[in-house]
């Protein structure tokens, strides 16, 4: 029913990344009872072919645009980490409830203004199933939730889209009660294996009408783990020229690799190879800022397959965290009306005005170490026998770098970030 109250819609984006976690079995207590069934690499590739490439491009493009905006507002030397997939997914759920100019602006920022809504939802559903498919060395859990105010009738079409295309849990809560924050934080903690316990620190406004949340838990094991015996303390030069001592992991292996005068890049596969970590390193004496400018302008060189080469790699063992309010970056990208109480149109969500986005929150935790699973083969190759010597490429990641965790078959970038200050 109509009301003159200002009713905020809080969109919370929450995620956790744990690459190469050493104790994958520890997270089993929260393993879902109905995981996505296993799918072969061949069948997975066929399924991935059903997804419009424009959808994947839209995911990756929004991620890079937000990375540019966040890097521009960050303090010099700060890490900037985000999940294009997570942000795009949560915004897509909200987009299902938008109309008019609000919908047009959201479609433009999401990169789907020429894509029918049902095609976007279907493509997202396929991608989610593929990403969560079982892999001996990767566990990726994706969870979406919609909490809405008790007694407020939300449109069935919006609720059904959330359930069917995004697998969203839907719950009624009383946002005027302190219990609502506890309920949401408890869900977040469960879905992130306890790594993010208090995403919401403050009570919500009693006029909050809904909270939309996306959480990702990633636990990946290197296909070929680093040998801890070769890890030793070495220096890492920060952006300001100061030096920090970090444990540097080492391996010599055949890896997808490419280099130009402006950068070196290597891919480290997880599990059976359907996902990997892309690491891009600017040359010594050049800043990560210069590399990022190239990446933001045209990421194509890093989204192509690399030839395998013999690589001696040094990579820091580190942890990094990042959290940000995404309101201003999204507004600068053109999603303005959704945040305006007197203009936002979410009439496909509920027949209540004014209804608007009040906060878009994002947090990411990254943990990189040597370990792999017991099933992973630890094959170390420094050279091949034969008449022709193999050129060995040295790549020591001892200065700020860019990384992406990517799906090798759909080419979706799940997580991206600038690591300026590893700890």
Protein backbone atom coordinates (compact mmCIF):
# COMPACT_ATOMS: atom_id res chain seq x y z
CA UNK A 1 0.00 0.00 0.00
CA UNK A 2 1.22 3.58 -0.57
CA UNK A 3 3.17 5.24 2.21
CA UNK A 4 5.02 8.51 2.76
CA UNK A 5 7.83 6.88 4.72
CA UNK A 6 11.30 6.61 3.22
CA UNK A 7 11.98 2.89 2.87
CA UNK A 8 15.58 1.87 2.25
CA UNK A 9 16.59 -1.34 0.53
CA UNK A 10 19.96 -2.53 1.80
CA UNK A 11 21.96 -4.51 -0.74
CA UNK A 12 24.79 -6.33 1.00
CA UNK A 13 27.51 -8.08 -1.01
CA UNK A 14 29.58 -10.47 1.03
CA UNK A 15 32.30 -12.88 0.01
CA UNK A 16 35.22 -14.94 1.16
CA UNK A 17 38.12 -16.37 -0.80
CA UNK A 18 40.45 -19.03 0.56
CA UNK A 19 42.74 -20.17 -2.27
CA UNK A 20 45.01 -23.11 -1.54
CA UNK A 21 43.56 -23.67 1.91
CA UNK A 22 45.57 -26.26 3.79
CA UNK A 23 42.65 -27.90 5.58
CA UNK A 24 39.83 -28.24 3.14
CA UNK A 25 38.16 -30.88 5.30
CA UNK A 26 37.68 -28.40 8.16
CA UNK A 27 34.89 -26.64 6.28
CA UNK A 28 32.88 -29.80 5.83
CA UNK A 29 30.70 -29.10 8.83
CA UNK A 30 28.81 -26.53 6.77
CA UNK A 31 28.89 -28.48 3.51
CA UNK A 32 25.49 -28.38 1.86
CA UNK A 33 23.39 -31.51 1.88
CA UNK A 34 22.52 -31.06 -1.80
CA UNK A 35 25.73 -30.03 -3.60
CA UNK A 36 25.72 -29.53 -7.35
CA UNK A 37 26.30 -32.98 -8.95
CA UNK A 38 29.71 -33.65 -10.52
CA UNK A 39 30.06 -32.77 -14.19
CA UNK A 40 32.87 -33.76 -16.55
CA UNK A 41 35.06 -31.11 -18.14
CA UNK A 42 33.63 -32.01 -21.57
CA UNK A 43 30.01 -31.77 -20.43
CA UNK A 44 30.83 -28.59 -18.54
CA UNK A 45 32.29 -27.01 -21.67
CA UNK A 46 29.11 -27.86 -23.61
CA UNK A 47 26.96 -26.34 -20.87
CA UNK A 48 29.16 -23.23 -20.79
CA UNK A 49 28.47 -22.81 -24.52
CA UNK A 50 24.82 -22.12 -23.69
CA UNK A 51 25.76 -18.92 -21.86
CA UNK A 52 25.73 -15.76 -23.96
CA UNK A 53 29.38 -14.51 -24.02
CA UNK A 54 27.97 -11.01 -23.58
CA UNK A 55 26.85 -12.02 -20.09
CA UNK A 56 30.37 -13.04 -19.05
CA UNK A 57 31.79 -9.89 -20.62
CA UNK A 58 29.28 -7.85 -18.62
CA UNK A 59 30.40 -9.51 -15.36
CA UNK A 60 34.08 -8.89 -16.06
CA UNK A 61 33.60 -5.37 -17.39
CA UNK A 62 31.64 -4.20 -14.34
CA UNK A 63 34.30 -5.71 -12.10
CA UNK A 64 37.08 -3.80 -13.84
CA UNK A 65 35.06 -0.58 -13.85
CA UNK A 66 34.46 -0.86 -10.11
CA UNK A 67 38.11 -1.77 -9.55
CA UNK A 68 39.10 1.42 -11.37
CA UNK A 69 36.72 3.51 -9.26
CA UNK A 70 37.79 1.91 -5.98
CA UNK A 71 41.50 2.16 -6.81
CA UNK A 72 40.99 5.83 -7.60
CA UNK A 73 39.51 6.54 -4.17
CA UNK A 74 41.83 4.26 -2.17
CA UNK A 75 44.81 5.48 -0.19
CA UNK A 76 48.13 5.00 -1.97
CA UNK A 77 49.44 1.51 -1.36
CA UNK A 78 46.13 -0.01 -0.25
CA UNK A 79 44.92 -3.37 -1.51
CA UNK A 80 41.74 -3.32 -3.63
CA UNK A 81 39.92 -6.66 -3.85
CA UNK A 82 36.47 -7.49 -5.19
CA UNK A 83 34.32 -10.14 -6.83
CA UNK A 84 32.84 -9.15 -10.20
CA UNK A 85 30.61 -12.22 -10.07
CA UNK A 86 29.27 -11.54 -6.59
CA UNK A 87 28.58 -7.86 -7.15
CA UNK A 88 26.97 -8.47 -10.52
CA UNK A 89 24.78 -11.26 -9.12
CA UNK A 90 23.43 -9.27 -6.17
CA UNK A 91 22.75 -6.23 -8.35
CA UNK A 92 20.99 -8.49 -10.84
CA UNK A 93 18.57 -9.65 -8.16
CA UNK A 94 17.76 -6.02 -7.39
CA UNK A 95 17.49 -5.27 -11.13
CA UNK A 96 14.67 -7.83 -11.33
CA UNK A 97 12.65 -5.56 -9.06
CA UNK A 98 13.39 -2.29 -10.86
CA UNK A 99 11.38 -0.39 -13.46
CA UNK A 100 11.51 2.75 -15.62
CA UNK A 101 14.62 4.92 -15.57
CA UNK A 102 15.95 3.02 -12.55
CA UNK A 103 15.90 -0.20 -14.57
CA UNK A 104 17.48 1.43 -17.62
CA UNK A 105 20.35 2.85 -15.58
CA UNK A 106 20.92 -0.47 -13.81
CA UNK A 107 20.83 -2.36 -17.13
CA UNK A 108 23.43 -0.01 -18.57
CA UNK A 109 25.80 -0.42 -15.61
CA UNK A 110 25.25 -4.19 -15.57
CA UNK A 111 25.92 -4.29 -19.33
CA UNK A 112 22.62 -5.98 -20.22
CA UNK A 113 20.57 -3.17 -21.77
CA UNK A 114 20.20 -5.21 -24.98
CA UNK A 115 19.56 -8.53 -23.20
CA UNK A 116 16.03 -9.66 -22.25
CA UNK A 117 15.59 -10.11 -18.50
CA UNK A 118 14.67 -13.79 -18.80
CA UNK A 119 17.83 -14.52 -20.83
CA UNK A 120 19.97 -12.77 -18.22
CA UNK A 121 18.37 -14.79 -15.42
CA UNK A 122 18.68 -18.09 -17.31
CA UNK A 123 22.33 -17.43 -18.14
CA UNK A 124 23.08 -16.59 -14.53
CA UNK A 125 21.39 -19.80 -13.36
CA UNK A 126 23.53 -21.91 -15.73
CA UNK A 127 26.72 -20.11 -14.69
CA UNK A 128 25.96 -20.63 -11.01
CA UNK A 129 25.43 -24.37 -11.53
CA UNK A 130 28.71 -24.66 -13.43
CA UNK A 131 30.69 -22.73 -10.84
CA UNK A 132 29.38 -24.85 -7.99
CA UNK A 133 29.95 -28.16 -9.80
CA UNK A 134 32.14 -30.52 -7.79
CA UNK A 135 35.89 -30.58 -8.41
CA UNK A 136 38.38 -32.68 -6.46
CA UNK A 137 40.45 -29.59 -5.66
CA UNK A 138 37.91 -26.75 -5.56
CA UNK A 139 34.90 -26.07 -3.40
CA UNK A 140 32.87 -23.03 -4.34
CA UNK A 141 29.65 -22.30 -2.47
CA UNK A 142 27.41 -19.49 -3.73
CA UNK A 143 24.50 -18.33 -1.60
CA UNK A 144 21.90 -15.61 -2.13
CA UNK A 145 19.28 -14.44 0.33
CA UNK A 146 16.37 -12.02 0.40
CA UNK A 147 15.11 -10.83 3.77
CA UNK A 148 12.00 -8.66 3.64
CA UNK A 149 9.94 -6.86 6.24
CA UNK A 150 7.18 -8.86 7.89
CA UNK A 151 3.75 -7.98 6.59
CA UNK A 152 5.02 -6.22 3.47
CA UNK A 153 3.72 -7.97 0.33
CA UNK A 154 6.54 -8.46 -2.16
CA UNK A 155 5.60 -9.30 -5.73
CA UNK A 156 5.54 -12.99 -6.48
CA UNK A 157 7.39 -12.50 -9.79
CA UNK A 158 10.34 -10.93 -7.94
CA UNK A 159 10.43 -13.63 -5.27
CA UNK A 160 10.18 -16.39 -7.87
CA UNK A 161 13.01 -14.92 -9.96
CA UNK A 162 15.18 -14.79 -6.84
CA UNK A 163 14.42 -18.41 -5.98
CA UNK A 164 14.51 -19.98 -9.44
CA UNK A 165 17.32 -18.09 -11.15
CA UNK A 166 19.52 -17.26 -8.16
CA UNK A 167 18.63 -19.98 -5.65
CA UNK A 168 17.88 -17.28 -3.09
CA UNK A 169 16.62 -18.09 0.37
CA UNK A 170 13.64 -15.88 1.20
CA UNK A 171 12.78 -14.97 4.79
CA UNK A 172 10.51 -12.51 6.56
CA UNK A 173 12.06 -10.56 9.44
CA UNK A 174 11.20 -7.57 11.61
CA UNK A 175 13.83 -4.93 10.86
CA UNK A 176 12.68 -2.88 13.86
CA UNK A 177 14.09 -5.65 16.08
CA UNK A 178 17.78 -6.03 16.93
CA UNK A 179 17.35 -9.72 16.13
CA UNK A 180 17.28 -8.92 12.40
CA UNK A 181 20.97 -7.94 12.39
CA UNK A 182 21.83 -11.09 14.34
CA UNK A 183 19.83 -13.20 11.88
CA UNK A 184 21.63 -11.72 8.87
CA UNK A 185 25.09 -11.88 10.45
CA UNK A 186 24.46 -15.49 11.50
CA UNK A 187 23.59 -16.40 7.90
CA UNK A 188 26.70 -14.63 6.61
CA UNK A 189 28.92 -16.37 9.15
CA UNK A 190 27.49 -19.76 8.21
CA UNK A 191 27.88 -19.23 4.46
CA UNK A 192 31.45 -17.94 4.82
CA UNK A 193 32.58 -20.72 7.18
CA UNK A 194 32.80 -18.26 10.08
CA UNK A 195 35.33 -16.01 8.34
CA UNK A 196 32.99 -12.99 8.25
CA UNK A 197 31.06 -12.88 11.51
CA UNK A 198 29.83 -9.29 11.75
CA UNK A 199 29.27 -7.78 8.34
CA UNK A 200 26.56 -5.54 9.78
CA UNK A 201 27.98 -3.73 12.81
CA UNK A 202 25.15 -1.25 13.36
CA UNK A 203 21.37 -1.79 13.76
CA UNK A 204 19.43 -1.35 10.55
CA UNK A 205 17.05 1.53 10.08
CA UNK A 206 13.58 0.51 11.31
CA UNK A 207 12.26 1.63 7.92
CA UNK A 208 14.44 -0.91 6.08
CA UNK A 209 12.18 -2.91 3.79
CA UNK A 210 14.58 -5.57 2.51
CA UNK A 211 18.16 -6.83 2.58
CA UNK A 212 19.60 -8.69 -0.40
CA UNK A 213 22.81 -10.63 0.20
CA UNK A 214 25.27 -12.67 -1.82
CA UNK A 215 28.00 -14.74 -0.18
CA UNK A 216 30.75 -16.75 -1.84
CA UNK A 217 33.05 -19.25 -0.15
CA UNK A 218 35.97 -20.41 -2.30
CA UNK A 219 38.41 -23.07 -1.16
CA UNK A 220 40.87 -23.98 -3.88
CA UNK A 221 43.88 -26.28 -3.84
CA UNK A 222 46.70 -25.86 -6.32
CA UNK A 223 46.91 -28.64 -8.91
CA UNK A 224 50.65 -28.71 -8.13
CA UNK A 225 51.23 -27.45 -4.58
CA UNK A 226 54.23 -25.39 -3.56
CA UNK A 227 56.71 -27.34 -1.45
CA UNK A 228 56.89 -25.61 1.98
CA UNK A 229 60.56 -26.63 2.24
CA UNK A 230 61.36 -24.10 -0.48
CA UNK A 231 59.50 -21.21 1.20
CA UNK A 232 61.90 -18.65 2.65
CA UNK A 233 61.78 -15.06 3.85
CA UNK A 234 62.49 -12.57 1.08
CA UNK A 235 61.90 -8.88 0.48
CA UNK A 236 58.79 -7.36 -1.10
CA UNK A 237 59.04 -3.76 -2.29
CA UNK A 238 55.89 -1.73 -1.58
CA UNK A 239 54.53 0.99 -3.86
CA UNK A 240 56.20 3.74 -1.82
CA UNK A 241 59.61 2.10 -2.14
CA UNK A 242 59.75 0.73 1.39
CA UNK A 243 60.64 -2.92 1.86
CA UNK A 244 58.86 -5.66 3.80
CA UNK A 245 60.03 -9.20 4.53
CA UNK A 246 57.54 -11.90 3.53
CA UNK A 247 57.59 -15.69 3.19
CA UNK A 248 58.15 -16.32 -0.52
CA UNK A 249 56.91 -19.63 -1.95
CA UNK A 250 58.83 -21.19 -4.84
CA UNK A 251 58.09 -23.68 -7.59
CA UNK A 252 59.54 -24.71 -10.94
CA UNK A 253 56.93 -26.06 -13.30
CA UNK A 254 55.34 -26.02 -16.73
CA UNK A 255 52.67 -23.33 -16.49
CA UNK A 256 50.59 -21.15 -18.83
CA UNK A 257 52.85 -18.10 -19.17
CA UNK A 258 53.23 -14.95 -21.24
CA UNK A 259 55.47 -11.91 -21.12
CA UNK A 260 55.84 -8.60 -22.93
CA UNK A 261 58.11 -5.61 -22.24
CA UNK A 262 55.28 -4.23 -20.07
CA UNK A 263 54.34 -7.26 -17.95
CA UNK A 264 54.73 -10.91 -17.03
CA UNK A 265 51.71 -13.14 -16.42
CA UNK A 266 51.25 -16.71 -15.23
CA UNK A 267 48.27 -18.95 -14.50
CA UNK A 268 48.26 -21.32 -11.52
CA UNK A 269 45.56 -23.99 -11.91
CA UNK A 270 43.35 -25.27 -9.11
CA UNK A 271 42.08 -28.84 -8.83
CA UNK A 272 41.33 -30.40 -12.21
CA UNK A 273 42.08 -27.13 -14.01
CA UNK A 274 38.61 -25.66 -14.45
CA UNK A 275 39.69 -22.67 -12.34
CA UNK A 276 42.99 -20.88 -11.93
CA UNK A 277 44.66 -17.82 -10.47
CA UNK A 278 46.01 -15.33 -12.99
CA UNK A 279 48.92 -13.25 -11.69
CA UNK A 280 50.07 -10.17 -13.63
CA UNK A 281 53.32 -8.47 -12.65
CA UNK A 282 54.65 -5.15 -13.98
CA UNK A 283 58.40 -4.94 -14.68
CA UNK A 284 60.77 -3.74 -11.98
CA UNK A 285 60.84 0.04 -11.96
CA UNK A 286 57.29 0.33 -13.32
CA UNK A 287 54.25 0.93 -11.13
CA UNK A 288 51.17 -1.24 -10.81
CA UNK A 289 49.16 1.90 -11.66
CA UNK A 290 50.56 1.87 -15.20
CA UNK A 291 49.62 -1.78 -15.64
CA UNK A 292 46.12 -1.15 -14.29
CA UNK A 293 45.57 1.62 -16.85
CA UNK A 294 46.22 -0.92 -19.62
CA UNK A 295 44.01 -3.50 -17.94
CA UNK A 296 41.07 -1.12 -17.50
CA UNK A 297 41.34 0.05 -21.11
CA UNK A 298 41.51 -3.43 -22.68
CA UNK A 299 41.71 -6.66 -20.66
CA UNK A 300 41.74 -8.85 -23.80
CA UNK A 301 45.51 -9.69 -23.68
CA UNK A 302 45.03 -11.34 -20.29
CA UNK A 303 41.79 -13.12 -21.17
CA UNK A 304 43.41 -15.17 -23.96
CA UNK A 305 44.98 -18.62 -23.47
CA UNK A 306 48.72 -18.65 -22.70
CA UNK A 307 51.19 -21.20 -24.05
CA UNK A 308 52.83 -23.44 -21.47
CA UNK A 309 56.40 -22.62 -20.54
CA UNK A 310 58.95 -23.64 -17.95
CA UNK A 311 58.60 -21.12 -15.12
CA UNK A 312 60.56 -20.58 -11.93
CA UNK A 313 57.99 -18.75 -9.84
CA UNK A 314 58.30 -16.95 -6.54
CA UNK A 315 54.95 -15.94 -4.98
CA UNK A 316 54.33 -14.47 -1.51
CA UNK A 317 52.37 -16.43 1.04
CA UNK A 318 49.95 -13.81 2.26
CA UNK A 319 46.56 -12.75 3.51
CA UNK A 320 44.65 -9.65 2.48
CA UNK A 321 41.26 -8.15 3.32
CA UNK A 322 39.23 -5.40 1.73
CA UNK A 323 35.81 -3.92 2.36
CA UNK A 324 34.01 -0.97 0.83
CA UNK A 325 30.73 0.84 0.38
CA UNK A 326 30.00 0.71 -3.36
CA UNK A 327 27.35 3.45 -3.49
CA UNK A 328 29.55 6.23 -4.86
CA UNK A 329 31.40 4.07 -7.43
CA UNK A 330 28.09 2.76 -8.79
CA UNK A 331 26.65 6.27 -8.94
CA UNK A 332 29.72 7.49 -10.85
CA UNK A 333 29.24 4.63 -13.32
CA UNK A 334 25.70 5.85 -14.00
CA UNK A 335 23.47 3.98 -11.55
CA UNK A 336 22.11 7.14 -9.97
CA UNK A 337 18.36 6.91 -9.60
CA UNK A 338 18.39 3.65 -7.62
CA UNK A 339 19.90 5.54 -4.66
CA UNK A 340 17.48 8.49 -4.78
CA UNK A 341 14.58 8.18 -2.28
CA UNK A 342 12.32 10.47 -4.31
CA UNK A 343 13.13 8.97 -7.73
CA UNK A 344 14.01 5.26 -7.39
CA UNK A 345 11.50 2.89 -8.96
CA UNK A 346 11.48 -0.66 -7.59
CA UNK A 347 7.81 -1.18 -8.33
CA UNK A 348 8.49 -4.66 -9.74
CA UNK A 349 9.67 -5.63 -6.26
CA UNK A 350 6.83 -4.23 -4.15
CA UNK A 351 4.00 -1.69 -4.47
CA UNK A 352 5.62 0.69 -2.00
CA UNK A 353 7.02 4.15 -2.64
CA UNK A 354 9.56 5.48 -1.99
CA UNK A 355 11.75 2.38 -2.08
CA UNK A 356 15.45 2.84 -2.84
CA UNK A 357 18.94 1.37 -2.38
CA UNK A 358 20.53 2.74 0.78
CA UNK A 359 23.80 0.80 0.95
CA UNK A 360 25.76 -1.56 -1.27
CA UNK A 361 28.37 -3.22 0.93
CA UNK A 362 31.22 -5.46 -0.12
CA UNK A 363 33.91 -7.39 1.71
CA UNK A 364 36.55 -9.86 0.62
CA UNK A 365 39.11 -11.99 2.46
CA UNK A 366 42.01 -13.59 0.58
CA UNK A 367 44.41 -16.24 1.91
CA UNK A 368 47.15 -17.68 -0.31
CA UNK A 369 49.53 -20.43 0.84
CA UNK A 370 51.45 -23.47 -0.36
CA UNK A 371 48.98 -26.28 0.19
CA UNK A 372 47.03 -28.55 -2.07
CA UNK A 373 44.69 -31.46 -1.44
CA UNK A 374 45.88 -35.03 -1.01
CA UNK A 375 44.42 -35.87 -4.44
CA UNK A 376 46.50 -33.24 -6.22
CA UNK A 377 49.63 -34.45 -8.03
CA UNK A 378 52.80 -32.70 -6.91
CA UNK A 379 54.82 -32.74 -10.12
CA UNK A 380 57.81 -30.40 -10.26
CA UNK A 381 59.45 -29.89 -13.65
CA UNK A 382 62.48 -27.68 -14.05
CA UNK A 383 63.46 -28.87 -17.49
CA UNK A 384 62.70 -31.60 -20.02
CA UNK A 385 65.16 -34.14 -21.35
CA UNK A 386 65.97 -33.99 -25.04
CA UNK A 387 68.31 -32.38 -27.48
CA UNK A 388 66.83 -28.88 -27.12
CA UNK A 389 67.25 -27.08 -23.77
CA UNK A 390 64.05 -25.54 -22.42
CA UNK A 391 64.10 -21.82 -21.77
CA UNK A 392 63.30 -21.14 -18.12
CA UNK A 393 61.33 -17.98 -17.35
CA UNK A 394 61.93 -16.42 -13.95
CA UNK A 395 59.02 -14.57 -12.34
CA UNK A 396 59.44 -13.36 -8.77
CA UNK A 397 56.38 -11.57 -7.43
CA UNK A 398 58.24 -9.25 -5.05
CA UNK A 399 56.40 -6.01 -5.83
CA UNK A 400 52.74 -4.93 -6.21
CA UNK A 401 50.75 -7.14 -8.59
CA UNK A 402 47.27 -7.80 -9.98
CA UNK A 403 45.46 -11.11 -9.62
CA UNK A 404 42.27 -12.74 -10.84
CA UNK A 405 40.64 -16.04 -9.95
CA UNK A 406 38.97 -17.15 -13.15
CA UNK A 407 36.85 -19.95 -14.55
CA UNK A 408 38.83 -21.33 -17.48
CA UNK A 409 35.81 -22.52 -19.51
CA UNK A 410 33.36 -19.64 -19.13
CA UNK A 411 36.18 -17.06 -18.76
CA UNK A 412 34.34 -15.43 -15.85
CA UNK A 413 36.54 -13.56 -13.38
CA UNK A 414 35.20 -14.53 -9.97
CA UNK A 415 37.61 -12.37 -8.01
CA UNK A 416 40.07 -9.65 -8.97
CA UNK A 417 42.36 -7.36 -7.07
CA UNK A 418 45.45 -5.23 -6.72
CA UNK A 419 47.78 -6.52 -4.03
CA UNK A 420 49.96 -3.61 -2.98
CA UNK A 421 50.55 -4.59 0.62
CA UNK A 422 50.47 -8.36 1.29
CA UNK A 423 50.72 -9.44 4.92
